[in-house]
Amino acid sequence: MRMSEFWRLMDDEFGASYSRMLARTHMIHALGDLTVDEALEARHKPREVWLAMCADMGVPPERLLGKDVPVRENPKEL
């Protein structure tokens, strides 16, 4: 998982402003009581941080991959 994907998932699930606040303040016990920002800075993999955050915040399994984004049709093919 790339960092851009990690932040898209955070923003989709928690909202852009709240996700940044959570990243600075929410301590994830499974990662040694590090915040999201601290865990990423300590080189934890973004996927590991995302899954730990989801477990902490009770994100249901069907939303672990984020929102369904509709496939854009290529207008040239129509």
N, C-alpha and C. Protein backbone atom coordinates (compact mmCIF):
# COMPACT_ATOMS: atom_id res chain seq x y z
N MET A 1 0.86 -1.17 0.00
CA MET A 1 0.00 0.00 0.00
C MET A 1 0.90 1.23 0.00
N ARG A 2 0.60 2.16 -0.87
CA ARG A 2 1.32 3.43 -0.92
C ARG A 2 0.74 4.40 0.10
N MET A 3 1.52 5.39 0.43
CA MET A 3 1.06 6.40 1.39
C MET A 3 -0.17 7.13 0.86
N SER A 4 -0.22 7.39 -0.43
CA SER A 4 -1.37 8.08 -1.00
C SER A 4 -2.65 7.25 -0.82
N GLU A 5 -2.54 5.94 -0.99
CA GLU A 5 -3.68 5.05 -0.78
C GLU A 5 -4.08 5.03 0.69
N PHE A 6 -3.08 4.99 1.57
CA PHE A 6 -3.35 5.01 3.01
C PHE A 6 -4.17 6.25 3.37
N TRP A 7 -3.73 7.42 2.92
CA TRP A 7 -4.43 8.66 3.28
C TRP A 7 -5.80 8.75 2.61
N ARG A 8 -5.94 8.17 1.41
CA ARG A 8 -7.27 8.14 0.78
C ARG A 8 -8.22 7.32 1.63
N LEU A 9 -7.76 6.16 2.10
CA LEU A 9 -8.60 5.32 2.95
C LEU A 9 -8.95 6.03 4.25
N MET A 10 -7.97 6.67 4.88
CA MET A 10 -8.23 7.41 6.12
C MET A 10 -9.27 8.51 5.88
N ASP A 11 -9.09 9.27 4.80
CA ASP A 11 -10.02 10.37 4.50
C ASP A 11 -11.40 9.85 4.16
N ASP A 12 -11.48 8.76 3.41
CA ASP A 12 -12.78 8.19 3.05
C ASP A 12 -13.53 7.72 4.29
N GLU A 13 -12.81 7.09 5.20
CA GLU A 13 -13.47 6.51 6.38
C GLU A 13 -13.78 7.54 7.45
N PHE A 14 -12.86 8.45 7.70
CA PHE A 14 -13.03 9.36 8.83
C PHE A 14 -13.24 10.82 8.45
N GLY A 15 -13.12 11.15 7.18
CA GLY A 15 -13.21 12.55 6.75
C GLY A 15 -11.81 13.17 6.77
N ALA A 16 -11.57 14.10 5.88
CA ALA A 16 -10.23 14.66 5.71
C ALA A 16 -9.70 15.32 6.98
N SER A 17 -10.48 16.13 7.62
CA SER A 17 -10.01 16.84 8.82
C SER A 17 -9.85 15.90 10.01
N TYR A 18 -10.85 15.05 10.24
CA TYR A 18 -10.82 14.16 11.40
C TYR A 18 -9.72 13.11 11.25
N SER A 19 -9.45 12.66 10.03
CA SER A 19 -8.40 11.65 9.84
C SER A 19 -7.05 12.21 10.23
N ARG A 20 -6.80 13.47 9.93
CA ARG A 20 -5.52 14.09 10.30
C ARG A 20 -5.41 14.26 11.82
N MET A 21 -6.52 14.61 12.45
CA MET A 21 -6.53 14.75 13.90
C MET A 21 -6.29 13.39 14.56
N LEU A 22 -6.96 12.36 14.06
CA LEU A 22 -6.74 11.01 14.59
C LEU A 22 -5.29 10.58 14.41
N ALA A 23 -4.71 10.91 13.27
CA ALA A 23 -3.33 10.52 13.00
C ALA A 23 -2.36 11.14 14.01
N ARG A 24 -2.69 12.33 14.48
CA ARG A 24 -1.82 13.01 15.44
C ARG A 24 -2.06 12.58 16.87
N THR A 25 -3.29 12.13 17.19
CA THR A 25 -3.64 11.96 18.60
C THR A 25 -4.02 10.55 19.03
N HIS A 26 -4.55 9.74 18.14
CA HIS A 26 -5.04 8.41 18.54
C HIS A 26 -3.87 7.44 18.68
N MET A 27 -3.71 6.87 19.86
CA MET A 27 -2.63 5.91 20.11
C MET A 27 -3.14 4.50 19.83
N ILE A 28 -2.42 3.78 18.99
CA ILE A 28 -2.80 2.43 18.61
C ILE A 28 -2.03 1.44 19.49
N HIS A 29 -2.76 0.77 20.37
CA HIS A 29 -2.13 -0.16 21.31
C HIS A 29 -1.37 -1.28 20.61
N ALA A 30 -1.93 -1.80 19.54
CA ALA A 30 -1.30 -2.90 18.81
C ALA A 30 0.06 -2.52 18.21
N LEU A 31 0.30 -1.22 18.09
CA LEU A 31 1.57 -0.74 17.53
C LEU A 31 2.43 -0.09 18.62
N GLY A 32 2.28 -0.55 19.83
CA GLY A 32 3.09 -0.04 20.92
C GLY A 32 2.69 1.33 21.41
N ASP A 33 1.40 1.62 21.33
CA ASP A 33 0.85 2.91 21.76
C ASP A 33 1.43 4.09 20.98
N LEU A 34 1.73 3.86 19.71
CA LEU A 34 2.15 4.92 18.82
C LEU A 34 0.93 5.54 18.15
N THR A 35 1.01 6.81 17.82
CA THR A 35 -0.02 7.41 16.98
C THR A 35 0.22 6.95 15.54
N VAL A 36 -0.73 7.22 14.68
CA VAL A 36 -0.57 6.89 13.26
C VAL A 36 0.68 7.58 12.72
N ASP A 37 0.82 8.87 12.99
CA ASP A 37 1.98 9.61 12.49
C ASP A 37 3.28 9.01 13.01
N GLU A 38 3.32 8.68 14.29
CA GLU A 38 4.53 8.09 14.87
C GLU A 38 4.82 6.72 14.28
N ALA A 39 3.80 5.92 14.08
CA ALA A 39 3.98 4.58 13.51
C ALA A 39 4.53 4.66 12.09
N LEU A 40 3.99 5.56 11.29
CA LEU A 40 4.48 5.72 9.92
C LEU A 40 5.91 6.25 9.92
N GLU A 41 6.19 7.17 10.82
CA GLU A 41 7.55 7.72 10.93
C GLU A 41 8.53 6.63 11.38
N ALA A 42 8.07 5.71 12.20
CA ALA A 42 8.90 4.59 12.67
C ALA A 42 9.01 3.47 11.64
N ARG A 43 8.50 3.72 10.44
CA ARG A 43 8.59 2.80 9.31
C ARG A 43 7.70 1.57 9.40
N HIS A 44 6.61 1.68 10.18
CA HIS A 44 5.60 0.63 10.09
C HIS A 44 4.97 0.74 8.70
N LYS A 45 4.62 -0.38 8.13
CA LYS A 45 4.02 -0.37 6.80
C LYS A 45 2.64 0.29 6.86
N PRO A 46 2.30 1.11 5.86
CA PRO A 46 0.99 1.77 5.86
C PRO A 46 -0.17 0.79 6.00
N ARG A 47 -0.08 -0.37 5.35
CA ARG A 47 -1.16 -1.37 5.45
C ARG A 47 -1.32 -1.85 6.90
N GLU A 48 -0.20 -2.10 7.58
CA GLU A 48 -0.24 -2.53 8.97
C GLU A 48 -0.89 -1.46 9.85
N VAL A 49 -0.54 -0.21 9.61
CA VAL A 49 -1.10 0.90 10.39
C VAL A 49 -2.59 1.04 10.10
N TRP A 50 -2.97 0.93 8.82
CA TRP A 50 -4.37 1.04 8.44
C TRP A 50 -5.20 -0.05 9.11
N LEU A 51 -4.75 -1.29 9.05
CA LEU A 51 -5.51 -2.39 9.64
C LEU A 51 -5.59 -2.26 11.16
N ALA A 52 -4.52 -1.81 11.79
CA ALA A 52 -4.55 -1.59 13.24
C ALA A 52 -5.52 -0.47 13.59
N MET A 53 -5.52 0.58 12.81
CA MET A 53 -6.45 1.69 13.04
C MET A 53 -7.89 1.22 12.86
N CYS A 54 -8.15 0.43 11.83
CA CYS A 54 -9.49 -0.09 11.60
C CYS A 54 -9.96 -0.94 12.78
N ALA A 55 -9.07 -1.77 13.30
CA ALA A 55 -9.42 -2.61 14.44
C ALA A 55 -9.74 -1.74 15.66
N ASP A 56 -8.93 -0.73 15.90
CA ASP A 56 -9.16 0.18 17.03
C ASP A 56 -10.48 0.93 16.91
N MET A 57 -10.79 1.35 15.72
CA MET A 57 -11.95 2.23 15.51
C MET A 57 -13.22 1.47 15.12
N GLY A 58 -13.13 0.15 15.04
CA GLY A 58 -14.31 -0.65 14.74
C GLY A 58 -14.82 -0.52 13.31
N VAL A 59 -13.90 -0.31 12.38
CA VAL A 59 -14.30 -0.23 10.97
C VAL A 59 -14.71 -1.63 10.51
N PRO A 60 -15.92 -1.77 9.95
CA PRO A 60 -16.38 -3.10 9.53
C PRO A 60 -15.55 -3.65 8.37
N PRO A 61 -15.44 -4.96 8.29
CA PRO A 61 -14.61 -5.59 7.25
C PRO A 61 -14.95 -5.15 5.83
N GLU A 62 -16.22 -4.89 5.57
CA GLU A 62 -16.59 -4.50 4.20
C GLU A 62 -16.06 -3.13 3.80
N ARG A 63 -15.53 -2.36 4.77
CA ARG A 63 -14.98 -1.04 4.44
C ARG A 63 -13.46 -0.99 4.56
N LEU A 64 -12.82 -2.13 4.77
CA LEU A 64 -11.36 -2.14 4.89
C LEU A 64 -10.65 -1.71 3.61
N LEU A 65 -11.30 -1.89 2.48
CA LEU A 65 -10.71 -1.48 1.20
C LEU A 65 -11.19 -0.12 0.75
N GLY A 66 -11.94 0.56 1.58
CA GLY A 66 -12.42 1.90 1.24
C GLY A 66 -13.73 1.87 0.48
N LYS A 67 -14.10 3.05 0.02
CA LYS A 67 -15.35 3.19 -0.72
C LYS A 67 -15.21 2.57 -2.10
N ASP A 68 -16.32 2.04 -2.59
CA ASP A 68 -16.33 1.55 -3.96
C ASP A 68 -16.30 2.76 -4.89
N VAL A 69 -15.33 2.78 -5.77
CA VAL A 69 -15.20 3.86 -6.73
C VAL A 69 -15.67 3.33 -8.07
N PRO A 70 -16.71 3.97 -8.65
CA PRO A 70 -17.21 3.46 -9.93
C PRO A 70 -16.14 3.54 -11.01
N VAL A 71 -16.16 2.56 -11.89
CA VAL A 71 -15.23 2.53 -13.00
C VAL A 71 -15.68 3.56 -14.02
N ARG A 72 -14.75 4.39 -14.45
CA ARG A 72 -15.09 5.38 -15.49
C ARG A 72 -15.05 4.72 -16.85
N GLU A 73 -16.10 4.92 -17.58
CA GLU A 73 -16.13 4.36 -18.93
C GLU A 73 -15.32 5.26 -19.85
N ASN A 74 -14.68 4.65 -20.81
CA ASN A 74 -13.91 5.40 -21.80
C ASN A 74 -14.89 5.90 -22.86
N PRO A 75 -15.08 7.23 -22.95
CA PRO A 75 -16.06 7.77 -23.91
C PRO A 75 -15.72 7.41 -25.36
N LYS A 76 -14.46 7.13 -25.65
CA LYS A 76 -14.07 6.77 -27.02
C LYS A 76 -14.62 5.42 -27.42
N GLU A 77 -14.93 4.57 -26.42
CA GLU A 77 -15.44 3.24 -26.71
C GLU A 77 -16.94 3.23 -26.89
N LEU A 78 -17.62 4.30 -26.54
CA LEU A 78 -19.08 4.35 -26.65
C LEU A 78 -19.54 4.60 -28.02
